[in-house]
Amino acid sequence: MDNTPPPAPPADDFTPPPPPPAAASGSPTDFLKNVVGKRVVVRLTSGVDYRGVLSCLDGYMNIAMEQTEEH
C-alpha cells in the first residue's frame, strides 16, 4: 500500500486573513467598511464564490467588486 500523501491543491493567489480576535467589537457594517479596497471572498447561498477587490457597498449591503473571478 502506498503511504504517500495526495498532492497538494494548486496554490491560490488569495490567502484569507486570520480571524479577528474574539474581543473585537463593532458591527458588520464597520467590518465591511474596513475591508473596502482589500481582496475578499464572497460566497453566495448557491455555493458560488467570487474573489476580488471590494470596491464599494451601500446601506442595503449591495456590493461592487473589481478584478473578480468566479470560483
N, C-alpha and C. Protein backbone atom coordinates (compact mmCIF):
# COMPACT_ATOMS: atom_id res chain seq x y z
N MET A 1 0.85 -1.18 0.00
CA MET A 1 0.00 0.00 0.00
C MET A 1 0.89 1.23 0.00
N ASP A 2 0.54 2.19 -0.83
CA ASP A 2 1.32 3.43 -0.96
C ASP A 2 0.91 4.40 0.14
N ASN A 3 1.89 4.83 0.96
CA ASN A 3 1.60 5.73 2.06
C ASN A 3 1.92 7.18 1.75
N THR A 4 2.19 7.51 0.50
CA THR A 4 2.49 8.90 0.17
C THR A 4 1.21 9.72 0.21
N PRO A 5 1.30 10.95 0.74
CA PRO A 5 0.10 11.79 0.83
C PRO A 5 -0.33 12.25 -0.56
N PRO A 6 -1.60 12.58 -0.72
CA PRO A 6 -2.05 13.08 -2.02
C PRO A 6 -1.40 14.43 -2.31
N PRO A 7 -1.28 14.79 -3.58
CA PRO A 7 -0.66 16.07 -3.91
C PRO A 7 -1.50 17.23 -3.37
N ALA A 8 -0.82 18.31 -3.03
CA ALA A 8 -1.49 19.50 -2.53
C ALA A 8 -2.26 20.17 -3.66
N PRO A 9 -3.36 20.83 -3.33
CA PRO A 9 -4.09 21.55 -4.38
C PRO A 9 -3.23 22.69 -4.90
N PRO A 10 -3.50 23.16 -6.11
CA PRO A 10 -2.69 24.24 -6.67
C PRO A 10 -2.77 25.49 -5.80
N ALA A 11 -1.68 26.22 -5.78
CA ALA A 11 -1.61 27.44 -4.98
C ALA A 11 -2.60 28.46 -5.52
N ASP A 12 -3.18 29.22 -4.62
CA ASP A 12 -4.14 30.25 -4.98
C ASP A 12 -3.53 31.59 -4.62
N ASP A 13 -3.86 32.62 -5.36
CA ASP A 13 -3.28 33.93 -5.07
C ASP A 13 -3.98 34.61 -3.91
N PHE A 14 -5.02 33.99 -3.35
CA PHE A 14 -5.74 34.58 -2.23
C PHE A 14 -5.44 33.81 -0.96
N THR A 15 -5.00 34.53 0.05
CA THR A 15 -4.79 33.94 1.37
C THR A 15 -5.73 34.64 2.33
N PRO A 16 -6.69 33.94 2.90
CA PRO A 16 -7.63 34.62 3.79
C PRO A 16 -6.91 35.15 5.03
N PRO A 17 -7.37 36.30 5.53
CA PRO A 17 -6.75 36.85 6.73
C PRO A 17 -7.11 36.01 7.94
N PRO A 18 -6.32 36.12 9.00
CA PRO A 18 -6.65 35.39 10.21
C PRO A 18 -7.96 35.92 10.78
N PRO A 19 -8.69 35.11 11.53
CA PRO A 19 -9.95 35.59 12.11
C PRO A 19 -9.67 36.70 13.12
N PRO A 20 -10.62 37.62 13.29
CA PRO A 20 -10.40 38.69 14.26
C PRO A 20 -10.41 38.14 15.68
N PRO A 21 -9.78 38.85 16.61
CA PRO A 21 -9.79 38.40 18.00
C PRO A 21 -11.22 38.33 18.52
N ALA A 22 -11.47 37.43 19.45
CA ALA A 22 -12.82 37.24 19.99
C ALA A 22 -13.34 38.50 20.67
N ALA A 23 -12.44 39.32 21.18
CA ALA A 23 -12.86 40.51 21.90
C ALA A 23 -13.14 41.69 20.97
N ALA A 24 -12.95 41.51 19.67
CA ALA A 24 -13.18 42.61 18.73
C ALA A 24 -14.65 43.01 18.76
N SER A 25 -14.87 44.33 18.76
CA SER A 25 -16.24 44.80 18.76
C SER A 25 -16.51 45.56 17.47
N GLY A 26 -17.76 45.83 17.22
CA GLY A 26 -18.13 46.56 16.02
C GLY A 26 -19.20 45.81 15.26
N SER A 27 -19.86 46.55 14.40
CA SER A 27 -20.95 45.97 13.63
C SER A 27 -20.42 45.36 12.34
N PRO A 28 -21.23 44.53 11.69
CA PRO A 28 -20.83 44.00 10.38
C PRO A 28 -20.56 45.12 9.38
N THR A 29 -21.33 46.21 9.47
CA THR A 29 -21.10 47.35 8.57
C THR A 29 -19.72 47.94 8.81
N ASP A 30 -19.33 48.08 10.06
CA ASP A 30 -17.99 48.60 10.38
C ASP A 30 -16.92 47.69 9.79
N PHE A 31 -17.12 46.39 9.94
CA PHE A 31 -16.15 45.44 9.38
C PHE A 31 -16.04 45.62 7.88
N LEU A 32 -17.19 45.66 7.20
CA LEU A 32 -17.17 45.79 5.74
C LEU A 32 -16.51 47.09 5.29
N LYS A 33 -16.75 48.18 6.01
CA LYS A 33 -16.11 49.45 5.66
C LYS A 33 -14.59 49.34 5.78
N ASN A 34 -14.12 48.52 6.70
CA ASN A 34 -12.68 48.36 6.88
C ASN A 34 -12.04 47.49 5.81
N VAL A 35 -12.82 46.69 5.09
CA VAL A 35 -12.24 45.83 4.06
C VAL A 35 -12.45 46.37 2.65
N VAL A 36 -13.09 47.54 2.51
CA VAL A 36 -13.21 48.16 1.18
C VAL A 36 -11.80 48.42 0.66
N GLY A 37 -11.56 48.02 -0.58
CA GLY A 37 -10.24 48.18 -1.19
C GLY A 37 -9.34 46.97 -0.99
N LYS A 38 -9.80 45.97 -0.25
CA LYS A 38 -8.99 44.77 0.00
C LYS A 38 -9.60 43.57 -0.72
N ARG A 39 -8.77 42.53 -0.90
CA ARG A 39 -9.25 41.30 -1.54
C ARG A 39 -10.17 40.56 -0.58
N VAL A 40 -11.30 40.12 -1.11
CA VAL A 40 -12.29 39.41 -0.30
C VAL A 40 -12.82 38.21 -1.07
N VAL A 41 -13.47 37.31 -0.35
CA VAL A 41 -14.21 36.21 -0.96
C VAL A 41 -15.66 36.38 -0.56
N VAL A 42 -16.55 36.39 -1.55
CA VAL A 42 -17.99 36.48 -1.30
C VAL A 42 -18.60 35.15 -1.72
N ARG A 43 -19.26 34.48 -0.79
CA ARG A 43 -19.90 33.19 -1.09
C ARG A 43 -21.41 33.39 -1.11
N LEU A 44 -22.02 33.07 -2.24
CA LEU A 44 -23.46 33.17 -2.37
C LEU A 44 -24.13 31.96 -1.73
N THR A 45 -25.42 32.07 -1.46
CA THR A 45 -26.14 30.94 -0.88
C THR A 45 -26.17 29.75 -1.83
N SER A 46 -25.94 30.00 -3.11
CA SER A 46 -25.89 28.90 -4.08
C SER A 46 -24.58 28.12 -3.99
N GLY A 47 -23.61 28.66 -3.22
CA GLY A 47 -22.32 27.99 -3.07
C GLY A 47 -21.24 28.53 -3.99
N VAL A 48 -21.58 29.45 -4.88
CA VAL A 48 -20.59 30.03 -5.79
C VAL A 48 -19.78 31.07 -5.04
N ASP A 49 -18.45 31.03 -5.21
CA ASP A 49 -17.55 32.01 -4.60
C ASP A 49 -17.12 33.03 -5.64
N TYR A 50 -17.04 34.28 -5.23
CA TYR A 50 -16.46 35.34 -6.04
C TYR A 50 -15.29 35.90 -5.26
N ARG A 51 -14.14 35.99 -5.92
CA ARG A 51 -12.93 36.50 -5.27
C ARG A 51 -12.49 37.74 -6.02
N GLY A 52 -12.26 38.81 -5.29
CA GLY A 52 -11.84 40.05 -5.93
C GLY A 52 -11.66 41.13 -4.89
N VAL A 53 -11.58 42.37 -5.38
CA VAL A 53 -11.37 43.53 -4.52
C VAL A 53 -12.73 44.19 -4.27
N LEU A 54 -13.07 44.36 -3.01
CA LEU A 54 -14.32 45.02 -2.65
C LEU A 54 -14.17 46.51 -2.93
N SER A 55 -14.94 47.04 -3.89
CA SER A 55 -14.76 48.44 -4.24
C SER A 55 -15.75 49.36 -3.52
N CYS A 56 -16.97 48.91 -3.27
CA CYS A 56 -17.91 49.74 -2.51
C CYS A 56 -19.10 48.92 -2.05
N LEU A 57 -19.86 49.49 -1.11
CA LEU A 57 -21.09 48.87 -0.65
C LEU A 57 -22.04 49.97 -0.23
N ASP A 58 -23.34 49.64 -0.17
CA ASP A 58 -24.33 50.62 0.25
C ASP A 58 -25.03 50.15 1.53
N GLY A 59 -26.00 50.92 1.97
CA GLY A 59 -26.70 50.62 3.21
C GLY A 59 -27.55 49.37 3.16
N TYR A 60 -27.80 48.86 1.95
CA TYR A 60 -28.57 47.63 1.79
C TYR A 60 -27.67 46.40 1.65
N MET A 61 -26.37 46.60 1.83
CA MET A 61 -25.35 45.55 1.69
C MET A 61 -25.16 45.08 0.25
N ASN A 62 -25.60 45.90 -0.72
CA ASN A 62 -25.23 45.64 -2.11
C ASN A 62 -23.75 45.97 -2.23
N ILE A 63 -23.02 45.16 -2.96
CA ILE A 63 -21.58 45.39 -3.08
C ILE A 63 -21.19 45.47 -4.55
N ALA A 64 -20.05 46.10 -4.77
CA ALA A 64 -19.42 46.10 -6.09
C ALA A 64 -17.99 45.62 -5.89
N MET A 65 -17.52 44.77 -6.81
CA MET A 65 -16.17 44.22 -6.73
C MET A 65 -15.44 44.47 -8.03
N GLU A 66 -14.12 44.55 -7.95
CA GLU A 66 -13.26 44.70 -9.11
C GLU A 66 -12.30 43.52 -9.16
N GLN A 67 -11.72 43.28 -10.33
CA GLN A 67 -10.74 42.20 -10.51
C GLN A 67 -11.32 40.89 -9.95
N THR A 68 -12.54 40.60 -10.34
CA THR A 68 -13.29 39.50 -9.74
C THR A 68 -13.24 38.24 -10.59
N GLU A 69 -13.09 37.10 -9.93
CA GLU A 69 -13.13 35.79 -10.57
C GLU A 69 -14.18 34.94 -9.87
N GLU A 70 -14.89 34.14 -10.66
CA GLU A 70 -15.88 33.22 -10.10
C GLU A 70 -15.21 31.88 -9.85
N HIS A 71 -15.45 31.31 -8.67
CA HIS A 71 -14.86 30.00 -8.32
C HIS A 71 -15.95 29.05 -7.93
